[in-house]
């Protein structure tokens, strides 16, 4: 019983709202920019409108895009709601709208999956429940009594915990022979960047790839705890900036580095912000506006524990599903495998009408966009989905008895290309997406 009371006392201890507000501002404005960038680069068309077929997520095959005009409207609303989150304007409505719209957009097309899209959905979901607009926001100007300098500690720490999960499991994902013993895929990537200013000539040497591999692993495993510790926090945040700017410049990995730099601001305490701002001749008032302790809510503790358990177990599920997750990709999504493999594939499909014995070859480029074709070529569940699509495409009235086979070759982390799926297997005999993984495991390198 005392243990529960101690947990409650820790979670509900009043702390300054300033780190939570800064996180909200950084997250909102950064995601607004991200969505506007998505529109400007023409990705709304590329991802949602141009494809004639979409690779949906398991259990979410009911999620489909709307018309072109509606999709642009949804992305625009997503950007506007993110901007309102940054302002702290109509905050609760804006966070709900952003979470629903962004997650909907993410679920439409699996070939566009990125770890930081998943991270954004998780953070947006958390922000729905956090009082991040009680100060340094527009909302308190219109609602008397809502402004406060203090929030329960759990509202700040749950965001810290989410950052720890991303970093730590990103480090766990690197504890593999390819990464540590062979410095792959960094050998491939760095040797392609010898034109990089000043240090590019070093990228030809294998020792540089090993240095990047090992230091990257140590960074991911240690940085969240260095950020959480007051003594090491200043140097840790400098490392965050240096690490993510370098990865952005070297590998051009989109918004992920900026999200991690912005997200890591949650670790900086209110007193540290005050000292920093005072050096810039900016004074802020951190005096508590509510002297009385914040009341606890009975459901919060078990819900926080449940969320924590899910965030820890979901990234571990691939250990129970696959012997080599980089090869089979069974459970690799939502497990924070960030930049741990270079994989290339080739697929062509053979369709046989078993009644007439007529056969013909289908090339994915005839039906898919370039990014869909590339991602499908080495992801088993997407190969299976495409076979189902081809069956419907070529058997519209259900009168034909078709068999679909795939010639599939895959190269993982610089290895020679090899057979990925047995070309004698009729993909239409595989009754579920999960059934294809057994065949992948049999042929792993």
Protein backbone atom coordinates (compact mmCIF):
# COMPACT_ATOMS: atom_id res chain seq x y z
CA UNK A 1 0.00 0.00 0.00
CA UNK A 2 2.84 2.37 0.83
CA UNK A 3 4.35 1.62 -2.56
CA UNK A 4 1.22 2.86 -4.33
CA UNK A 5 1.14 5.98 -2.15
CA UNK A 6 4.77 6.69 -2.95
CA UNK A 7 4.08 6.31 -6.67
CA UNK A 8 1.11 8.66 -6.42
CA UNK A 9 3.13 11.18 -4.42
CA UNK A 10 5.84 11.16 -7.10
CA UNK A 11 3.49 11.31 -10.09
CA UNK A 12 1.29 14.08 -8.70
CA UNK A 13 3.92 16.32 -7.17
CA UNK A 14 3.36 19.83 -8.60
CA UNK A 15 6.08 20.98 -10.99
CA UNK A 16 6.43 23.96 -13.31
CA UNK A 17 4.41 23.90 -16.52
CA UNK A 18 7.21 25.63 -18.45
CA UNK A 19 8.89 22.48 -19.93
CA UNK A 20 5.48 21.11 -20.95
CA UNK A 21 4.51 24.42 -22.58
CA UNK A 22 7.81 24.68 -24.47
CA UNK A 23 7.37 21.11 -25.69
CA UNK A 24 3.84 21.94 -26.87
CA UNK A 25 5.01 25.04 -28.74
CA UNK A 26 7.95 23.26 -30.41
CA UNK A 27 5.88 20.20 -31.33
CA UNK A 28 2.96 22.19 -32.72
CA UNK A 29 4.91 24.59 -34.91
CA UNK A 30 7.30 21.89 -36.14
CA UNK A 31 4.44 19.60 -37.18
CA UNK A 32 2.66 22.49 -38.87
CA UNK A 33 5.79 23.08 -40.94
CA UNK A 34 6.05 19.34 -41.62
CA UNK A 35 2.51 19.14 -43.03
CA UNK A 36 2.97 22.26 -45.16
CA UNK A 37 6.20 20.71 -46.44
CA UNK A 38 4.26 17.55 -47.28
CA UNK A 39 1.92 19.61 -49.46
CA UNK A 40 4.70 21.69 -51.04
CA UNK A 41 6.70 18.63 -52.12
CA UNK A 42 3.71 17.09 -53.88
CA UNK A 43 3.55 14.15 -51.49
CA UNK A 44 -0.22 14.38 -51.06
CA UNK A 45 -0.56 13.30 -54.68
CA UNK A 46 2.27 10.77 -54.49
CA UNK A 47 1.05 9.08 -51.33
CA UNK A 48 -2.74 9.33 -51.34
CA UNK A 49 -4.06 10.25 -54.78
CA UNK A 50 -1.86 8.78 -57.53
CA UNK A 51 -1.68 5.13 -56.36
CA UNK A 52 -4.38 2.89 -57.78
CA UNK A 53 -3.82 0.50 -54.90
CA UNK A 54 -2.86 1.14 -51.27
CA UNK A 55 -0.93 -1.14 -48.93
CA UNK A 56 -3.02 -0.94 -45.78
CA UNK A 57 -1.96 -1.96 -42.29
CA UNK A 58 -3.15 -5.20 -40.76
CA UNK A 59 -6.53 -4.67 -39.04
CA UNK A 60 -6.85 -1.28 -40.78
CA UNK A 61 -7.77 -2.40 -44.30
CA UNK A 62 -10.93 -0.31 -43.95
CA UNK A 63 -8.87 2.91 -44.03
CA UNK A 64 -8.96 4.44 -47.52
CA UNK A 65 -8.28 7.88 -49.03
CA UNK A 66 -11.05 10.22 -50.10
CA UNK A 67 -11.15 12.41 -53.20
CA UNK A 68 -8.19 14.60 -54.14
CA UNK A 69 -9.80 17.78 -52.80
CA UNK A 70 -10.73 16.11 -49.52
CA UNK A 71 -7.22 14.74 -48.99
CA UNK A 72 -5.71 18.19 -49.45
CA UNK A 73 -8.27 19.56 -47.02
CA UNK A 74 -7.40 16.91 -44.41
CA UNK A 75 -3.67 17.63 -44.67
CA UNK A 76 -4.39 21.37 -44.44
CA UNK A 77 -6.58 20.82 -41.35
CA UNK A 78 -3.77 18.74 -39.88
CA UNK A 79 -1.36 21.65 -40.40
CA UNK A 80 -3.81 24.21 -38.97
CA UNK A 81 -4.53 22.08 -35.91
CA UNK A 82 -0.78 21.65 -35.31
CA UNK A 83 -0.37 25.43 -35.54
CA UNK A 84 -3.16 25.88 -32.98
CA UNK A 85 -1.42 23.39 -30.68
CA UNK A 86 1.69 25.57 -30.84
CA UNK A 87 -0.37 28.67 -30.02
CA UNK A 88 -2.35 26.91 -27.31
CA UNK A 89 -5.55 27.95 -29.10
CA UNK A 90 -8.61 25.69 -28.83
CA UNK A 91 -5.99 23.29 -27.51
CA UNK A 92 -8.08 20.26 -26.61
CA UNK A 93 -10.06 20.33 -29.85
CA UNK A 94 -6.89 20.98 -31.86
CA UNK A 95 -4.95 18.07 -30.35
CA UNK A 96 -7.85 15.67 -30.94
CA UNK A 97 -8.23 16.89 -34.54
CA UNK A 98 -4.51 16.65 -35.16
CA UNK A 99 -4.24 13.15 -33.67
CA UNK A 100 -7.18 11.81 -35.71
CA UNK A 101 -6.18 13.47 -38.99
CA UNK A 102 -2.46 12.68 -38.75
CA UNK A 103 -3.03 9.06 -37.71
CA UNK A 104 -5.61 8.61 -40.46
CA UNK A 105 -3.11 9.90 -43.03
CA UNK A 106 -0.45 7.59 -41.63
CA UNK A 107 -2.68 4.52 -41.85
CA UNK A 108 -3.61 4.94 -45.51
CA UNK A 109 -0.33 3.79 -47.02
CA UNK A 110 2.11 1.33 -45.41
CA UNK A 111 4.87 1.93 -47.95
CA UNK A 112 5.33 5.42 -46.49
CA UNK A 113 5.81 4.12 -42.93
CA UNK A 114 8.42 5.99 -40.91
CA UNK A 115 9.22 5.60 -37.23
CA UNK A 116 8.78 9.29 -36.58
CA UNK A 117 5.23 9.23 -38.00
CA UNK A 118 4.40 6.67 -35.33
CA UNK A 119 6.18 8.82 -32.73
CA UNK A 120 4.12 11.87 -33.73
CA UNK A 121 0.85 9.93 -33.35
CA UNK A 122 1.88 8.74 -29.88
CA UNK A 123 2.85 12.23 -28.74
CA UNK A 124 -0.34 13.73 -30.18
CA UNK A 125 -2.37 11.12 -28.29
CA UNK A 126 -0.57 11.97 -25.04
CA UNK A 127 -1.03 15.71 -25.53
CA UNK A 128 -4.79 15.24 -25.65
CA UNK A 129 -4.70 14.40 -21.93
CA UNK A 130 -2.05 16.90 -20.80
CA UNK A 131 -2.79 20.46 -19.56
CA UNK A 132 -0.08 21.91 -21.80
CA UNK A 133 -2.17 25.02 -22.53
CA UNK A 134 -2.60 26.26 -18.96
CA UNK A 135 0.19 28.83 -19.40
CA UNK A 136 2.11 30.43 -22.24
CA UNK A 137 -0.93 29.88 -24.44
CA UNK A 138 -3.88 31.81 -25.86
CA UNK A 139 -6.62 29.72 -24.25
CA UNK A 140 -6.15 31.07 -20.68
CA UNK A 141 -6.82 34.59 -21.98
CA UNK A 142 -10.44 33.59 -22.63
CA UNK A 143 -11.02 31.22 -19.73
CA UNK A 144 -10.72 32.67 -16.26
CA UNK A 145 -9.08 30.47 -13.65
CA UNK A 146 -7.46 28.12 -16.14
CA UNK A 147 -4.03 29.73 -16.01
CA UNK A 148 -1.56 27.99 -13.71
CA UNK A 149 2.20 27.68 -13.38
CA UNK A 150 1.99 24.16 -11.96
CA UNK A 151 1.08 20.75 -13.34
CA UNK A 152 1.37 17.21 -11.96
CA UNK A 153 4.82 15.71 -12.53
CA UNK A 154 3.43 12.81 -14.56
CA UNK A 155 2.33 15.19 -17.33
CA UNK A 156 5.98 16.07 -17.96
CA UNK A 157 7.51 12.69 -17.18
CA UNK A 158 5.28 10.73 -19.54
CA UNK A 159 6.72 12.70 -22.45
CA UNK A 160 10.22 12.09 -21.12
CA UNK A 161 9.37 8.39 -20.93
CA UNK A 162 8.23 8.41 -24.56
CA UNK A 163 11.55 9.94 -25.65
CA UNK A 164 13.43 7.35 -23.59
CA UNK A 165 11.52 4.56 -25.37
CA UNK A 166 12.45 5.89 -28.81
CA UNK A 167 16.13 6.33 -27.99
CA UNK A 168 16.63 3.20 -25.90
CA UNK A 169 14.88 0.79 -28.23
CA UNK A 170 16.64 2.47 -31.13
CA UNK A 171 19.85 1.43 -29.37
CA UNK A 172 18.58 -2.09 -28.67
CA UNK A 173 17.78 -2.46 -32.38
CA UNK A 174 21.45 -1.80 -33.16
CA UNK A 175 22.69 -4.67 -31.00
CA UNK A 176 22.95 -6.93 -34.02
CA UNK A 177 25.98 -8.54 -35.73
CA UNK A 178 25.51 -6.58 -38.95
CA UNK A 179 25.64 -3.26 -37.12
CA UNK A 180 28.31 -3.99 -34.50
CA UNK A 181 30.56 -6.59 -36.16
CA UNK A 182 30.28 -5.58 -39.82
CA UNK A 183 29.41 -1.87 -39.53
CA UNK A 184 26.59 -2.42 -41.99
CA UNK A 185 24.78 -0.60 -43.47
CA UNK A 186 26.97 2.36 -42.51
CA UNK A 187 29.83 1.11 -44.69
CA UNK A 188 27.53 1.36 -47.69
CA UNK A 189 26.04 4.72 -46.78
CA UNK A 190 29.26 6.48 -45.76
CA UNK A 191 31.21 5.35 -48.85
CA UNK A 192 28.46 6.97 -50.90
CA UNK A 193 29.11 10.30 -49.11
CA UNK A 194 32.83 10.83 -49.70
CA UNK A 195 31.85 14.19 -51.21
CA UNK A 196 30.82 15.41 -47.75
CA UNK A 197 32.68 18.62 -46.83
CA UNK A 198 35.92 18.38 -44.81
CA UNK A 199 35.52 14.83 -43.40
CA UNK A 200 34.18 13.09 -46.52
CA UNK A 201 37.55 11.53 -47.38
CA UNK A 202 37.45 9.63 -44.08
CA UNK A 203 34.30 7.77 -45.13
CA UNK A 204 36.25 5.47 -47.43
CA UNK A 205 37.94 3.85 -44.43
CA UNK A 206 36.13 0.92 -42.77
CA UNK A 207 37.24 2.14 -39.34
CA UNK A 208 35.06 5.24 -39.80
CA UNK A 209 31.96 3.09 -40.32
CA UNK A 210 32.79 1.09 -37.19
CA UNK A 211 33.32 4.30 -35.22
CA UNK A 212 29.92 5.60 -36.36
CA UNK A 213 28.23 2.24 -35.63
CA UNK A 214 29.52 1.87 -32.09
CA UNK A 215 29.17 5.53 -31.14
CA UNK A 216 25.62 5.56 -32.54
CA UNK A 217 24.70 2.57 -30.42
CA UNK A 218 26.18 4.10 -27.26
CA UNK A 219 24.46 7.38 -28.03
CA UNK A 220 21.00 5.80 -28.36
CA UNK A 221 21.38 3.65 -25.25
CA UNK A 222 22.82 6.36 -23.02
CA UNK A 223 21.47 9.73 -24.17
CA UNK A 224 17.99 9.49 -22.56
CA UNK A 225 19.50 8.82 -19.16
CA UNK A 226 22.11 11.54 -19.61
CA UNK A 227 19.28 13.93 -20.48
CA UNK A 228 17.30 12.87 -17.41
CA UNK A 229 20.26 13.50 -15.07
CA UNK A 230 20.78 17.12 -14.04
CA UNK A 231 24.58 16.97 -13.93
CA UNK A 232 24.97 15.58 -17.45
CA UNK A 233 21.99 17.32 -19.09
CA UNK A 234 23.82 20.34 -20.62
CA UNK A 235 26.45 18.26 -22.43
CA UNK A 236 23.77 15.67 -23.31
CA UNK A 237 21.61 18.21 -25.10
CA UNK A 238 24.63 19.54 -26.99
CA UNK A 239 25.25 15.95 -28.09
CA UNK A 240 21.60 15.69 -29.19
CA UNK A 241 22.02 18.73 -31.42
CA UNK A 242 25.36 17.62 -32.88
CA UNK A 243 24.24 14.03 -33.45
CA UNK A 244 20.96 14.86 -35.18
CA UNK A 245 22.34 17.67 -37.32
CA UNK A 246 25.11 15.35 -38.51
CA UNK A 247 22.66 12.54 -39.34
CA UNK A 248 20.40 15.00 -41.13
CA UNK A 249 23.26 16.34 -43.25
CA UNK A 250 24.66 12.90 -44.02
CA UNK A 251 21.54 10.87 -44.62
CA UNK A 252 18.75 13.39 -45.33
CA UNK A 253 16.24 11.55 -43.16
CA UNK A 254 13.49 14.16 -43.16
CA UNK A 255 11.92 15.53 -40.01
CA UNK A 256 13.12 12.87 -37.57
CA UNK A 257 16.26 14.74 -36.38
CA UNK A 258 14.29 17.93 -35.81
CA UNK A 259 11.56 16.07 -33.92
CA UNK A 260 14.12 14.51 -31.60
CA UNK A 261 15.88 17.81 -30.99
CA UNK A 262 12.55 19.51 -30.26
CA UNK A 263 11.25 16.60 -28.20
CA UNK A 264 14.37 16.43 -26.05
CA UNK A 265 13.60 19.94 -24.79
CA UNK A 266 11.15 18.29 -22.35
CA UNK A 267 14.13 17.23 -20.21
CA UNK A 268 15.22 20.83 -19.54
CA UNK A 269 13.74 21.96 -16.20
CA UNK A 270 12.02 25.26 -15.52
CA UNK A 271 14.90 26.55 -13.37
CA UNK A 272 17.36 25.71 -16.16
CA UNK A 273 15.18 27.58 -18.65
CA UNK A 274 15.03 30.54 -16.29
CA UNK A 275 18.81 30.66 -15.91
CA UNK A 276 19.27 30.39 -19.67
CA UNK A 277 16.71 33.10 -20.44
CA UNK A 278 18.19 35.43 -17.82
CA UNK A 279 21.47 35.30 -19.71
CA UNK A 280 19.48 36.57 -22.69
CA UNK A 281 17.99 39.34 -20.49
CA UNK A 282 14.59 37.66 -20.46
CA UNK A 283 12.87 37.24 -17.09
CA UNK A 284 10.05 34.79 -16.43
CA UNK A 285 7.92 34.28 -13.34
CA UNK A 286 7.97 30.73 -11.99
CA UNK A 287 6.11 31.48 -8.75
CA UNK A 288 3.41 28.83 -8.21
CA UNK A 289 -0.04 30.31 -8.89
CA UNK A 290 -1.83 27.45 -7.10
CA UNK A 291 -0.34 26.83 -3.64
CA UNK A 292 -2.64 23.95 -2.77
CA UNK A 293 -1.58 20.41 -3.80
CA UNK A 294 -3.03 19.02 -7.00
CA UNK A 295 -5.63 16.33 -6.38
CA UNK A 296 -5.05 12.82 -7.62
CA UNK A 297 -7.35 10.88 -9.93
CA UNK A 298 -7.72 7.19 -9.24
CA UNK A 299 -7.57 6.03 -12.87
CA UNK A 300 -4.45 7.95 -13.86
CA UNK A 301 -1.88 5.67 -12.21
CA UNK A 302 -3.13 2.37 -13.75
CA UNK A 303 -3.56 4.05 -17.15
CA UNK A 304 -0.01 5.38 -17.04
CA UNK A 305 1.25 1.92 -16.08
CA UNK A 306 -0.76 0.32 -18.89
CA UNK A 307 0.64 2.78 -21.42
CA UNK A 308 4.15 2.12 -20.15
CA UNK A 309 3.74 -1.65 -20.44
CA UNK A 310 2.48 -1.34 -24.03
CA UNK A 311 5.35 0.92 -25.04
CA UNK A 312 7.86 -1.54 -23.62
CA UNK A 313 6.31 -4.77 -24.95
CA UNK A 314 5.36 -3.71 -28.51
CA UNK A 315 8.99 -3.06 -29.56
CA UNK A 316 9.97 -6.47 -28.14
CA UNK A 317 7.37 -8.54 -29.96
CA UNK A 318 9.63 -9.29 -32.93
CA UNK A 319 11.85 -11.43 -30.69
CA UNK A 320 8.94 -13.87 -30.41
CA UNK A 321 8.00 -13.64 -34.10
CA UNK A 322 11.27 -13.90 -36.00
CA UNK A 323 14.82 -15.22 -35.76
CA UNK A 324 16.08 -12.45 -38.04
CA UNK A 325 13.77 -9.44 -38.04
CA UNK A 326 15.86 -7.53 -40.59
CA UNK A 327 15.32 -10.34 -43.09
CA UNK A 328 11.71 -11.28 -42.41
CA UNK A 329 10.53 -7.85 -41.14
CA UNK A 330 7.98 -9.68 -38.98
CA UNK A 331 7.35 -7.19 -36.17
CA UNK A 332 9.83 -4.56 -37.36
CA UNK A 333 7.30 -1.74 -37.52
CA UNK A 334 6.56 0.20 -34.32
CA UNK A 335 9.76 -1.24 -32.81
CA UNK A 336 12.06 1.77 -33.37
CA UNK A 337 14.41 0.09 -35.86
CA UNK A 338 15.79 3.40 -37.07
CA UNK A 339 18.38 3.27 -39.89
CA UNK A 340 19.61 -0.26 -39.17
CA UNK A 341 19.50 -1.84 -42.62
CA UNK A 342 20.00 -1.32 -46.32
CA UNK A 343 17.66 -3.61 -48.19
CA UNK A 344 16.94 -3.88 -51.88
CA UNK A 345 14.67 -6.25 -53.73
CA UNK A 346 13.32 -7.32 -57.09
CA UNK A 347 9.94 -8.91 -57.73
CA UNK A 348 7.99 -10.11 -60.71
CA UNK A 349 4.73 -12.01 -60.51
CA UNK A 350 3.55 -14.89 -62.67
CA UNK A 351 -0.19 -15.42 -62.99
CA UNK A 352 -1.55 -18.73 -64.27
CA UNK A 353 -5.15 -19.40 -65.20
CA UNK A 354 -5.43 -23.01 -64.05
CA UNK A 355 -8.47 -23.63 -66.27
CA UNK A 356 -6.98 -22.46 -69.57
CA UNK A 357 -3.28 -22.88 -68.59
CA UNK A 358 -2.71 -19.36 -69.86
CA UNK A 359 0.16 -17.61 -68.06
CA UNK A 360 1.63 -14.14 -68.11
CA UNK A 361 4.10 -12.00 -66.14
CA UNK A 362 3.18 -8.91 -64.16
CA UNK A 363 5.76 -6.29 -63.22
CA UNK A 364 4.87 -4.21 -60.12
CA UNK A 365 5.78 -0.97 -61.91
CA UNK A 366 2.68 -1.49 -64.05
CA UNK A 367 0.47 -0.97 -60.99
CA UNK A 368 2.51 0.71 -58.24
CA UNK A 369 4.26 4.01 -57.64
CA UNK A 370 8.09 3.91 -57.37
CA UNK A 371 8.10 4.04 -53.56
CA UNK A 372 5.39 1.37 -53.34
CA UNK A 373 7.33 -0.90 -55.67
CA UNK A 374 10.59 -0.39 -53.78
CA UNK A 375 9.10 -1.06 -50.34
CA UNK A 376 6.99 -3.99 -51.50
CA UNK A 377 10.00 -5.71 -53.08
CA UNK A 378 11.47 -6.68 -49.70
CA UNK A 379 8.49 -6.70 -47.33
CA UNK A 380 6.65 -10.05 -47.22
CA UNK A 381 3.29 -8.77 -46.03
CA UNK A 382 3.21 -6.25 -48.87
CA UNK A 383 4.13 -8.94 -51.43
CA UNK A 384 1.20 -11.01 -50.12
CA UNK A 385 -1.12 -8.00 -50.27
CA UNK A 386 -0.11 -7.25 -53.84
CA UNK A 387 -0.85 -10.84 -54.84
CA UNK A 388 -4.36 -10.46 -53.39
CA UNK A 389 -4.76 -7.26 -55.38
CA UNK A 390 -3.66 -8.98 -58.60
CA UNK A 391 -6.12 -11.81 -58.00
CA UNK A 392 -9.01 -9.33 -57.72
CA UNK A 393 -7.73 -7.34 -60.68
CA UNK A 394 -7.59 -10.35 -63.01
CA UNK A 395 -10.58 -12.25 -61.67
CA UNK A 396 -13.24 -9.60 -61.36
CA UNK A 397 -16.18 -11.93 -61.75
CA UNK A 398 -14.70 -14.76 -59.67
CA UNK A 399 -15.03 -17.29 -62.49
CA UNK A 400 -11.31 -17.95 -62.96
CA UNK A 401 -9.11 -20.27 -60.96
CA UNK A 402 -5.85 -18.38 -60.66
CA UNK A 403 -2.47 -19.18 -59.20
CA UNK A 404 0.04 -16.40 -58.48
CA UNK A 405 3.76 -16.98 -58.01
CA UNK A 406 6.52 -14.49 -57.31
CA UNK A 407 10.13 -14.36 -58.42
CA UNK A 408 11.63 -12.50 -55.50
CA UNK A 409 15.27 -11.61 -54.86
CA UNK A 410 16.52 -9.56 -51.92
CA UNK A 411 19.87 -8.16 -50.79
CA UNK A 412 20.36 -7.27 -47.13
CA UNK A 413 23.16 -4.99 -45.92
CA UNK A 414 25.43 -5.50 -48.91
CA UNK A 415 25.07 -9.28 -49.20
CA UNK A 416 24.57 -10.85 -52.62
CA UNK A 417 20.97 -10.95 -53.79
CA UNK A 418 19.23 -14.22 -52.98
CA UNK A 419 15.82 -15.85 -53.23
CA UNK A 420 13.37 -14.33 -50.74
CA UNK A 421 10.21 -16.36 -51.36
CA UNK A 422 10.09 -19.80 -52.95
CA UNK A 423 8.88 -19.27 -56.53
CA UNK A 424 6.92 -22.56 -56.36
CA UNK A 425 4.55 -21.27 -53.69
CA UNK A 426 1.12 -20.20 -54.87
CA UNK A 427 0.62 -16.99 -52.90
CA UNK A 428 -3.15 -17.39 -53.13
CA UNK A 429 -2.88 -20.55 -51.04
CA UNK A 430 -1.55 -18.48 -48.15
CA UNK A 431 -4.75 -17.65 -46.30
CA UNK A 432 -3.39 -14.79 -44.18
CA UNK A 433 -0.61 -12.26 -44.23
CA UNK A 434 1.09 -14.01 -41.31
CA UNK A 435 1.43 -17.30 -43.18
CA UNK A 436 4.05 -15.92 -45.57
CA UNK A 437 6.62 -15.27 -42.83
CA UNK A 438 7.42 -18.96 -42.31
CA UNK A 439 8.68 -19.22 -45.88
CA UNK A 440 10.82 -16.12 -45.45
CA UNK A 441 12.51 -17.53 -42.34
CA UNK A 442 13.46 -20.73 -44.20
CA UNK A 443 15.55 -18.81 -46.73
CA UNK A 444 17.21 -16.28 -44.43
CA UNK A 445 20.91 -15.59 -45.04
